[in-house]
Structure formats: C-alpha cells, structure tokens
Amino acid sequence: MTSSKQGTATGGATQVALAGMLLMIVAMGIGRFAYTPLLPGLREALGWSLAQAGDVASANYFGYVAGALVAATIASWPLQRRWLVVGTLASVATTGAGVAVASGYGWLALRAGSGVASAFILVLGTAIVTRRLLAFGRPGLVALHFAGVGIGILFTVLLIELARIAGLSVFAQWAMLGIACVVFTIPALVLLLGRPGAAGGAPAVGAAAAVAGSSGASRAEAPLAAGRLLGRLIAAYGLFGFGYVVTATFIVEMARGLPDARIAEPLAWIAVGLCAIPSTAFWQWVAARLGTWRALRIAFATEAVGVLLAGYGTGAIALAVGGGLLGGTFVGITAIGLAAGRRIAPASADRVIGWMTAAFGLGQWIGPAVAGRLAEASGGFGLPSLVAASLLAIGFLLLRAKGQA
C-alpha cells in the first residue's frame, strides 16, 4: 500500500472510530448515564423515595436488555444502518423529553424507551464501527469508540454543574442534554453512514470477528469444555451487571449524604468518567499480556474494591477513588468479556452476544430496584454495596476456570 493510501485508510478509520465515539456519548454517556448525576435533583423535584428512583433506573435497564436482544437479530447491513438511525433519533428524543415529564409512570416509560434506544445504538453502532475498522485494518481503534462512554459521562457532569451554577432546574438540565445530543448526533451519522463506500462498506467478516481479533487470539475449545467455560462466563457477566450498576446508579446520591456533598457529587461522577475513557484500551492491553480471563479476574476484583469504597466511604476522596475504580473497569469488562465469549464459540458469536447481553441486562435490571429498597431499609448504601461486591466476588471465582490463563 502506498503512503497516500495508508494515510487515507488511517484517516478513514479514525473518522469511523470518532463517529462511533460520538454515538456512544449520545447513547451511553448521556442517554443512559445522565440519570445518575440528575437523580438527586429529580428526587427533590418529584418527591421520589430511593425505591422509586431504583425502579425508574431498572426500567431503563429492562429497556436496554429488550432492545439489545432485538437489535442482535438484525444482520442485514441496510437494516442495521436504518435501525441505527432510528435508535439514535429515539435516544435524542427520550433524553430531551425529560424536560416535560413529571409523573412517576411517565418516567418509567421514558427511561424504558431510552434503554431500548441506547441498546440499538450500542449493538448496531458497534457492529457497523467494528466492521469498517476491520476493513481498514485498524480493529484496535474500537477502544476509541468505547471511550465515548467515559467522555459522555464527563461531559454530562460538567454541563450539569454549569447549569446548576446558572440556577437552571433539573428539567432544564434535561433539555440542555437533549440539545447536546442533537449536536453530537449530526456529525456522527454523517461520518459513519454518509459515504458507505469510503468507509469500507459491509465486508464479509462480521463485527464479532473484528472485536475478537482486536483482543488477541485464543485456541479453540472442545465442545464440552467450551460449553462449561461459556456457562461460567455468562453467569459471571450477569453478576457483573448487578455488581456495577448499584454504584453506577446511586453514586451521586451517596455523595449527597456526605458532609462535603457539594464537592463530592461532581467529583465522584467526574472520576467515573475520566477513568472510563481509557478503560477499554487499558484492559485490552492487560488481556494481551496476561490473558483475557486473568484480566477479567483482576478487573472484577478491582471493581469490587471500588464498589465497597463508594458504599462505605466517609468523604469525597474515598467516593472519588471508588468511582474511579468503577469507571476504570466496567467498560473494559464489557468489551473484553464479549470478546472472550466470541472466542469460546466463534461459530455462534451472535447467539453468544445475545446470551451475554441477556444475563448482563438481567443483573442491571434487578440491581437498582433491589439496591433502592435495601438502602431504605438499612438507612444507607453500605448494605447494597456489600451485596454488589459479594456478587462480583462470586463472578471472580466463576472466572477461575480450569485451563484458562
């Protein structure tokens, strides 16, 4: 390949990865996780209990797993493009609509719809991005795509803090986030879908192979051994869904109960976002050197420590460190965990994605509702954090599968 062609390929791959990053900002950093820093304000404005707040969060995760399972069945390239646009527009709409919803049932419906939309963007957007990056010979740039989660979290908390300083209500803050989503969406869709041929079109090799290839090779397992490994991985992935989501949903609410709450609230969520940005690239690096399963075990253990720090911390620093450990692991676990599943059963990669997504979504769906009730019953977030960390510890043990590094 000539230097000019190499430059074109490098630039094209970077554009695709940047487009994916913008979509992840819209769908995940804002659409999915903006609820966390806005939750204390919503509770004050609408008079919600912790249990009600947890139920609304669970509705979002229920929508996510339902949307992900449907999106995983869309294999046609034209349909993927079409439904990615639909999902993106729905994500923008459900975020901006927060300005006009005041009833509890309305928020349940709104957050469920947002979950469906974010799942379509995550599943279909990742499929399209990884296909095109593989066509360019740059699958490792998928880490830039996933960095959008952390960038979106960081952007969200900064925008919310500016809005609070300006004296805007929590509903006006939702409106601002909706406008931001529009600003990010337009260039994302133009860069990713505007000129299919320029980005490599739809090559025969699917997204599953692209992501799996970016995380290193692994020997094929015998069918029986593969089934056992996959069962352990899926179970651990479901426990991870519960284990991370308690802190991811309530960390800003945890901060509100501290003496230095005004500092602790933004600091905790900033720490999550900053550490989430390099998370996928970092854990891919760890997996390449130590093996995927060993990397997953380390990440599970690290996240459990972060969850306990956040739940039992008595100051802004402890909460920020806990949030940083959470942010630095949950996106990376998601990415390398899916890659591990694909490598165990490459011939059934799409079904593996569906099974893992269902397990992960079930954990996320149950987690906030249970945590909200445990927090109300115990008078704090120590007990739900202990439950979450214990489930991560069980996941750690499940990942100690015989024959895995």
Protein backbone atom coordinates (compact mmCIF):
# COMPACT_ATOMS: atom_id res chain seq x y z
CA MET A 1 0.00 0.00 0.00
CA THR A 2 1.39 3.42 -0.93
CA SER A 3 1.89 6.11 1.70
CA SER A 4 -1.06 8.12 0.32
CA LYS A 5 -3.35 5.11 0.51
CA GLN A 6 -2.10 4.34 4.01
CA GLY A 7 -2.84 7.91 5.02
CA THR A 8 -6.34 7.70 3.54
CA ALA A 9 -7.01 4.43 5.34
CA THR A 10 -5.71 5.80 8.63
CA GLY A 11 -7.80 8.95 8.31
CA GLY A 12 -10.89 7.00 7.31
CA ALA A 13 -10.51 4.58 10.21
CA THR A 14 -10.07 7.46 12.63
CA GLN A 15 -13.23 9.12 11.29
CA VAL A 16 -15.20 5.92 11.78
CA ALA A 17 -13.90 5.49 15.34
CA LEU A 18 -14.68 9.14 16.13
CA ALA A 19 -18.21 8.70 14.76
CA GLY A 20 -18.65 5.67 16.99
CA MET A 21 -17.33 7.66 19.93
CA LEU A 22 -19.91 10.41 19.33
CA LEU A 23 -22.70 7.83 19.17
CA MET A 24 -21.56 6.31 22.46
CA ILE A 25 -21.56 9.77 24.02
CA VAL A 26 -25.20 10.18 22.95
CA ALA A 27 -26.45 6.69 23.79
CA MET A 28 -24.46 5.76 26.86
CA GLY A 29 -22.64 8.73 28.39
CA ILE A 30 -25.75 10.92 28.18
CA GLY A 31 -28.79 8.81 27.28
CA ARG A 32 -28.05 6.04 29.71
CA PHE A 33 -25.93 7.53 32.49
CA ALA A 34 -27.12 11.15 32.78
CA TYR A 35 -29.79 9.81 35.14
CA THR A 36 -27.14 9.28 37.83
CA PRO A 37 -25.97 12.90 38.35
CA LEU A 38 -29.52 14.20 37.83
CA LEU A 39 -31.11 11.73 40.25
CA PRO A 40 -30.78 13.81 43.46
CA GLY A 41 -32.44 16.77 41.73
CA LEU A 42 -35.20 14.57 40.32
CA ARG A 43 -35.88 13.09 43.75
CA GLU A 44 -36.20 16.55 45.25
CA ALA A 45 -38.40 17.86 42.45
CA LEU A 46 -40.69 14.84 42.21
CA GLY A 47 -40.62 13.56 45.80
CA TRP A 48 -39.36 10.10 44.93
CA SER A 49 -38.21 7.57 47.51
CA LEU A 50 -34.99 5.62 46.91
CA ALA A 51 -37.11 2.62 45.93
CA GLN A 52 -38.95 4.67 43.28
CA ALA A 53 -35.65 6.03 41.97
CA GLY A 54 -34.33 2.48 41.72
CA ASP A 55 -37.44 1.35 39.87
CA VAL A 56 -37.02 4.09 37.25
CA ALA A 57 -33.38 3.07 36.79
CA SER A 58 -34.42 -0.56 36.46
CA ALA A 59 -36.94 0.40 33.76
CA ASN A 60 -34.05 1.80 31.73
CA TYR A 61 -32.07 -1.40 32.07
CA PHE A 62 -35.11 -3.52 31.23
CA GLY A 63 -35.49 -1.48 28.04
CA TYR A 64 -31.80 -1.94 27.35
CA VAL A 65 -31.85 -5.73 27.51
CA ALA A 66 -35.03 -5.92 25.44
CA GLY A 67 -33.59 -3.60 22.82
CA ALA A 68 -30.24 -5.39 22.74
CA LEU A 69 -31.83 -8.78 22.17
CA VAL A 70 -33.92 -7.41 19.29
CA ALA A 71 -31.00 -5.49 17.78
CA ALA A 72 -28.78 -8.59 17.89
CA THR A 73 -31.17 -10.29 15.42
CA ILE A 74 -30.70 -7.57 12.77
CA ALA A 75 -27.99 -8.95 10.49
CA SER A 76 -28.66 -7.17 7.19
CA TRP A 77 -26.31 -4.26 6.53
CA PRO A 78 -29.05 -1.92 5.15
CA LEU A 79 -31.34 -2.75 8.08
CA GLN A 80 -28.54 -2.16 10.57
CA ARG A 81 -27.96 1.30 9.10
CA ARG A 82 -31.67 2.11 9.10
CA TRP A 83 -32.32 0.98 12.67
CA LEU A 84 -29.18 2.69 13.93
CA VAL A 85 -30.62 5.99 12.69
CA VAL A 86 -33.99 5.19 14.30
CA GLY A 87 -32.33 4.26 17.58
CA THR A 88 -30.20 7.40 17.58
CA LEU A 89 -33.15 9.70 16.95
CA ALA A 90 -35.12 7.90 19.67
CA SER A 91 -32.24 8.33 22.11
CA VAL A 92 -32.11 12.08 21.41
CA ALA A 93 -35.90 12.35 21.81
CA THR A 94 -36.11 10.39 25.07
CA THR A 95 -33.29 12.43 26.59
CA GLY A 96 -34.76 15.79 25.63
CA ALA A 97 -38.25 14.72 26.69
CA GLY A 98 -37.12 14.72 30.31
CA VAL A 99 -37.97 18.42 30.34
CA ALA A 100 -41.70 17.66 30.05
CA VAL A 101 -42.27 14.54 32.20
CA ALA A 102 -43.36 14.91 35.82
CA SER A 103 -45.20 11.68 36.68
CA GLY A 104 -43.59 8.53 38.00
CA TYR A 105 -45.25 6.35 35.38
CA GLY A 106 -44.13 8.77 32.70
CA TRP A 107 -40.53 8.44 33.84
CA LEU A 108 -40.79 4.65 33.88
CA ALA A 109 -41.93 4.72 30.24
CA LEU A 110 -39.40 7.37 29.23
CA ARG A 111 -36.42 5.58 30.74
CA ALA A 112 -37.54 2.22 29.32
CA GLY A 113 -37.71 3.80 25.87
CA SER A 114 -34.30 5.37 26.38
CA GLY A 115 -32.91 1.94 27.29
CA VAL A 116 -34.24 0.40 24.07
CA ALA A 117 -32.75 3.25 22.02
CA SER A 118 -29.34 3.09 23.70
CA ALA A 119 -29.20 -0.67 23.15
CA PHE A 120 -29.86 -0.24 19.43
CA ILE A 121 -27.02 2.26 19.20
CA LEU A 122 -24.65 0.12 21.23
CA VAL A 123 -25.32 -3.14 19.38
CA LEU A 124 -25.79 -1.83 15.83
CA GLY A 125 -23.34 1.06 16.10
CA THR A 126 -20.64 -1.22 17.44
CA ALA A 127 -21.33 -3.75 14.69
CA ILE A 128 -21.01 -1.12 11.96
CA VAL A 129 -17.96 0.56 13.50
CA THR A 130 -16.06 -2.67 14.02
CA ARG A 131 -16.86 -3.92 10.50
CA ARG A 132 -15.46 -0.75 8.99
CA LEU A 133 -12.42 -0.68 11.24
CA LEU A 134 -11.66 -4.25 10.19
CA ALA A 135 -11.97 -3.25 6.54
CA PHE A 136 -9.41 -0.53 7.19
CA GLY A 137 -7.16 -2.97 9.04
CA ARG A 138 -7.47 -0.96 12.28
CA PRO A 139 -9.66 -3.02 14.66
CA GLY A 140 -7.74 -1.72 17.69
CA LEU A 141 -9.41 1.68 17.22
CA VAL A 142 -12.56 0.16 18.69
CA ALA A 143 -11.13 1.42 22.01
CA LEU A 144 -11.74 4.99 20.79
CA HIS A 145 -15.33 4.04 20.02
CA PHE A 146 -15.89 2.75 23.58
CA ALA A 147 -14.10 5.78 25.06
CA GLY A 148 -17.27 7.70 24.21
CA VAL A 149 -18.91 6.25 27.32
CA GLY A 150 -16.44 7.96 29.64
CA ILE A 151 -16.29 11.14 27.57
CA GLY A 152 -20.07 11.35 27.66
CA ILE A 153 -20.15 10.87 31.43
CA LEU A 154 -17.52 13.59 31.89
CA PHE A 155 -19.29 15.96 29.51
CA THR A 156 -22.62 15.36 31.26
CA VAL A 157 -21.42 16.21 34.75
CA LEU A 158 -19.62 19.35 33.55
CA LEU A 159 -22.72 20.56 31.69
CA ILE A 160 -24.94 19.83 34.70
CA GLU A 161 -22.61 21.72 37.04
CA LEU A 162 -22.64 24.75 34.74
CA ALA A 163 -26.45 24.58 34.60
CA ARG A 164 -26.67 24.42 38.40
CA ILE A 165 -24.38 27.42 38.76
CA ALA A 166 -26.67 29.25 36.34
CA GLY A 167 -29.65 28.33 38.53
CA LEU A 168 -31.39 26.10 35.96
CA SER A 169 -33.86 23.47 37.15
CA VAL A 170 -33.28 19.74 36.76
CA PHE A 171 -35.83 19.73 33.92
CA ALA A 172 -33.95 22.48 32.08
CA GLN A 173 -30.81 20.38 32.52
CA TRP A 174 -32.51 17.51 30.69
CA ALA A 175 -33.37 19.94 27.88
CA MET A 176 -29.74 21.05 27.61
CA LEU A 177 -28.61 17.44 27.38
CA GLY A 178 -31.16 16.82 24.63
CA ILE A 179 -29.75 19.75 22.64
CA ALA A 180 -26.21 18.42 23.17
CA CYS A 181 -27.33 15.04 21.82
CA VAL A 182 -28.51 16.70 18.61
CA VAL A 183 -25.14 18.46 18.25
CA PHE A 184 -23.25 15.17 18.62
CA THR A 185 -25.64 13.08 16.53
CA ILE A 186 -25.45 15.02 13.27
CA PRO A 187 -21.67 14.65 12.65
CA ALA A 188 -21.73 11.08 14.00
CA LEU A 189 -24.28 9.85 11.46
CA VAL A 190 -22.70 11.83 8.61
CA LEU A 191 -19.23 10.42 9.32
CA LEU A 192 -20.43 6.86 9.87
CA LEU A 193 -23.23 6.47 7.32
CA GLY A 194 -22.88 9.33 4.89
CA ARG A 195 -20.45 7.65 2.49
CA PRO A 196 -20.59 3.86 2.92
CA GLY A 197 -18.04 3.13 0.22
CA ALA A 198 -15.46 5.44 1.74
CA ALA A 199 -15.54 3.51 4.97
CA GLY A 200 -15.24 0.08 3.51
CA GLY A 201 -18.90 -0.77 3.02
CA ALA A 202 -20.06 -4.01 4.60
CA PRO A 203 -17.27 -6.58 4.35
CA ALA A 204 -17.99 -10.26 4.65
CA VAL A 205 -16.30 -10.55 8.03
CA GLY A 206 -18.67 -9.55 10.81
CA ALA A 207 -18.23 -7.34 13.81
CA ALA A 208 -17.80 -10.25 16.15
CA ALA A 209 -14.65 -11.33 14.39
CA ALA A 210 -13.35 -7.78 14.37
CA VAL A 211 -13.67 -7.26 18.09
CA ALA A 212 -12.45 -10.72 18.93
CA GLY A 213 -9.45 -10.22 16.68
CA SER A 214 -8.58 -6.96 18.39
CA SER A 215 -8.18 -8.70 21.72
CA GLY A 216 -5.76 -11.42 20.69
CA ALA A 217 -6.11 -14.99 19.54
CA SER A 218 -7.20 -17.96 21.61
CA ARG A 219 -7.17 -21.67 20.96
CA ALA A 220 -10.48 -23.29 20.07
CA GLU A 221 -12.10 -25.24 22.89
CA ALA A 222 -13.61 -28.71 22.64
CA PRO A 223 -17.44 -28.50 22.57
CA LEU A 224 -17.97 -29.77 26.13
CA ALA A 225 -15.21 -27.64 27.63
CA ALA A 226 -16.40 -24.64 25.62
CA GLY A 227 -19.94 -25.08 26.93
CA ARG A 228 -18.73 -25.12 30.52
CA LEU A 229 -16.49 -22.10 30.02
CA LEU A 230 -19.26 -20.19 28.32
CA GLY A 231 -21.69 -21.02 31.13
CA ARG A 232 -19.23 -19.70 33.70
CA LEU A 233 -18.60 -16.58 31.67
CA ILE A 234 -22.29 -15.83 31.14
CA ALA A 235 -23.05 -16.32 34.84
CA ALA A 236 -20.15 -14.05 35.83
CA TYR A 237 -21.30 -11.46 33.28
CA GLY A 238 -24.77 -11.42 34.81
CA LEU A 239 -23.31 -10.94 38.31
CA PHE A 240 -21.19 -8.12 36.91
CA GLY A 241 -24.38 -6.44 35.66
CA PHE A 242 -25.74 -6.29 39.21
CA GLY A 243 -22.34 -5.60 40.77
CA TYR A 244 -21.51 -2.46 38.84
CA VAL A 245 -24.96 -0.94 38.40
CA VAL A 246 -25.66 -0.26 42.09
CA THR A 247 -22.79 2.21 42.33
CA ALA A 248 -23.27 3.45 38.76
CA THR A 249 -26.87 4.37 39.58
CA PHE A 250 -26.55 5.77 43.09
CA ILE A 251 -23.01 7.15 43.48
CA VAL A 252 -24.13 10.78 43.25
CA GLU A 253 -26.95 10.03 45.69
CA MET A 254 -24.31 8.52 48.00
CA ALA A 255 -22.32 11.74 47.73
CA ARG A 256 -25.33 13.84 48.71
CA GLY A 257 -25.29 12.25 52.16
CA LEU A 258 -21.69 13.31 52.89
CA PRO A 259 -20.72 16.45 54.86
CA ASP A 260 -18.80 17.77 51.82
CA ALA A 261 -21.60 16.87 49.39
CA ARG A 262 -21.24 19.95 47.19
CA ILE A 263 -17.72 18.83 46.25
CA ALA A 264 -18.32 15.10 46.45
CA GLU A 265 -21.25 14.98 43.99
CA PRO A 266 -19.49 16.24 40.86
CA LEU A 267 -16.11 14.83 41.91
CA ALA A 268 -17.40 11.26 42.16
CA TRP A 269 -19.02 11.29 38.70
CA ILE A 270 -16.05 13.10 37.13
CA ALA A 271 -13.81 10.33 38.48
CA VAL A 272 -16.07 7.69 36.89
CA GLY A 273 -15.96 9.43 33.50
CA LEU A 274 -12.23 10.20 33.48
CA CYS A 275 -11.27 6.63 34.32
CA ALA A 276 -13.81 5.13 31.89
CA ILE A 277 -12.26 6.92 28.89
CA PRO A 278 -9.08 4.75 28.65
CA SER A 279 -10.72 1.69 30.21
CA THR A 280 -11.17 -0.44 27.08
CA ALA A 281 -7.68 0.28 25.74
CA PHE A 282 -6.13 -0.44 29.13
CA TRP A 283 -7.89 -3.76 29.69
CA GLN A 284 -7.17 -4.85 26.11
CA TRP A 285 -3.50 -4.20 26.92
CA VAL A 286 -3.75 -6.22 30.15
CA ALA A 287 -5.54 -9.07 28.36
CA ALA A 288 -2.87 -9.17 25.63
CA ARG A 289 -0.17 -9.64 28.26
CA LEU A 290 -1.83 -11.73 30.96
CA GLY A 291 -4.66 -13.46 29.11
CA THR A 292 -8.30 -12.42 28.87
CA TRP A 293 -9.59 -14.50 31.77
CA ARG A 294 -6.87 -13.33 34.14
CA ALA A 295 -7.54 -9.75 33.06
CA LEU A 296 -11.25 -10.24 33.76
CA ARG A 297 -10.50 -11.60 37.24
CA ILE A 298 -8.29 -8.61 38.05
CA ALA A 299 -10.95 -6.23 36.77
CA PHE A 300 -13.71 -7.92 38.80
CA ALA A 301 -11.59 -7.71 41.97
CA THR A 302 -10.70 -4.07 41.31
CA GLU A 303 -14.31 -3.15 40.71
CA ALA A 304 -15.42 -4.88 43.92
CA VAL A 305 -12.95 -2.74 45.88
CA GLY A 306 -14.33 0.38 44.18
CA VAL A 307 -17.92 -0.59 44.99
CA LEU A 308 -17.06 -1.07 48.67
CA LEU A 309 -15.16 2.22 48.82
CA ALA A 310 -18.11 4.06 47.34
CA GLY A 311 -20.62 2.37 49.64
CA TYR A 312 -18.66 2.73 52.88
CA GLY A 313 -16.53 5.81 52.17
CA THR A 314 -16.99 8.73 54.55
CA GLY A 315 -15.55 11.54 52.44
CA ALA A 316 -15.24 12.94 48.93
CA ILE A 317 -11.83 11.36 48.32
CA ALA A 318 -12.98 7.83 49.20
CA LEU A 319 -16.04 8.21 46.99
CA ALA A 320 -13.96 9.59 44.12
CA VAL A 321 -11.47 6.72 44.35
CA GLY A 322 -14.35 4.23 44.42
CA GLY A 323 -15.91 5.94 41.41
CA GLY A 324 -12.58 5.91 39.59
CA LEU A 325 -12.16 2.17 40.15
CA LEU A 326 -15.70 1.62 38.89
CA GLY A 327 -15.18 3.78 35.80
CA GLY A 328 -11.82 2.20 35.10
CA THR A 329 -13.29 -1.30 34.96
CA PHE A 330 -16.92 -1.50 33.84
CA VAL A 331 -16.44 -0.50 30.18
CA GLY A 332 -13.32 -2.65 29.87
CA ILE A 333 -15.05 -5.69 31.38
CA THR A 334 -17.92 -5.22 28.93
CA ALA A 335 -15.59 -5.15 25.92
CA ILE A 336 -13.13 -7.93 26.78
CA GLY A 337 -15.89 -10.10 28.26
CA LEU A 338 -17.78 -10.10 24.96
CA ALA A 339 -14.55 -10.81 23.10
CA ALA A 340 -13.92 -13.81 25.37
CA GLY A 341 -17.39 -15.18 24.67
CA ARG A 342 -16.94 -14.84 20.92
CA ARG A 343 -13.64 -16.69 21.01
CA ILE A 344 -15.09 -19.58 23.01
CA ALA A 345 -17.82 -20.13 20.40
CA PRO A 346 -16.87 -18.26 17.21
CA ALA A 347 -19.39 -20.18 15.09
CA SER A 348 -22.24 -18.94 17.33
CA ALA A 349 -20.94 -15.44 18.02
CA ASP A 350 -24.28 -13.68 17.53
CA ARG A 351 -26.09 -16.06 19.87
CA VAL A 352 -23.31 -15.70 22.45
CA ILE A 353 -23.72 -11.92 22.31
CA GLY A 354 -27.45 -12.37 22.91
CA TRP A 355 -26.97 -14.71 25.87
CA MET A 356 -24.35 -12.49 27.50
CA THR A 357 -26.42 -9.38 26.88
CA ALA A 358 -29.46 -11.04 28.44
CA ALA A 359 -27.50 -12.09 31.55
CA PHE A 360 -25.89 -8.67 31.88
CA GLY A 361 -29.21 -6.92 31.36
CA LEU A 362 -30.94 -9.12 33.93
CA GLY A 363 -28.34 -8.15 36.53
CA GLN A 364 -28.71 -4.47 35.64
CA TRP A 365 -32.50 -4.70 35.70
CA ILE A 366 -32.65 -6.24 39.17
CA GLY A 367 -29.81 -4.27 40.74
CA PRO A 368 -31.22 -0.73 41.13
CA ALA A 369 -34.63 -1.87 42.38
CA VAL A 370 -33.07 -4.16 45.00
CA ALA A 371 -30.45 -1.58 45.99
CA GLY A 372 -33.02 1.18 46.46
CA ARG A 373 -35.07 -0.96 48.82
CA LEU A 374 -32.03 -2.20 50.74
CA ALA A 375 -30.82 1.39 51.14
CA GLU A 376 -34.18 2.48 52.52
CA ALA A 377 -34.38 -0.48 54.89
CA SER A 378 -30.81 -0.11 56.19
CA GLY A 379 -30.57 3.66 56.14
CA GLY A 380 -27.63 3.86 53.74
CA PHE A 381 -25.83 2.37 50.77
CA GLY A 382 -23.41 0.18 52.71
CA LEU A 383 -25.57 -2.95 52.58
CA PRO A 384 -26.47 -2.77 48.86
CA SER A 385 -22.80 -2.07 48.06
CA LEU A 386 -21.76 -5.11 50.11
CA VAL A 387 -24.26 -7.27 48.20
CA ALA A 388 -22.95 -5.92 44.89
CA ALA A 389 -19.31 -6.52 45.84
CA SER A 390 -20.15 -10.04 47.03
CA LEU A 391 -21.70 -10.86 43.65
CA LEU A 392 -18.59 -9.54 41.91
CA ALA A 393 -16.53 -11.81 44.17
CA ILE A 394 -18.64 -14.80 43.10
CA GLY A 395 -18.08 -13.75 39.49
CA PHE A 396 -14.34 -13.66 40.18
CA LEU A 397 -14.48 -17.25 41.39
CA LEU A 398 -16.51 -18.36 38.36
CA LEU A 399 -13.83 -16.91 36.11
CA ARG A 400 -11.19 -19.14 37.67
CA ALA A 401 -11.97 -21.78 35.07
CA LYS A 402 -9.58 -24.70 34.62
CA GLY A 403 -7.30 -24.29 31.64
CA GLN A 404 -7.72 -20.51 31.40
CA ALA A 405 -4.91 -18.04 31.99
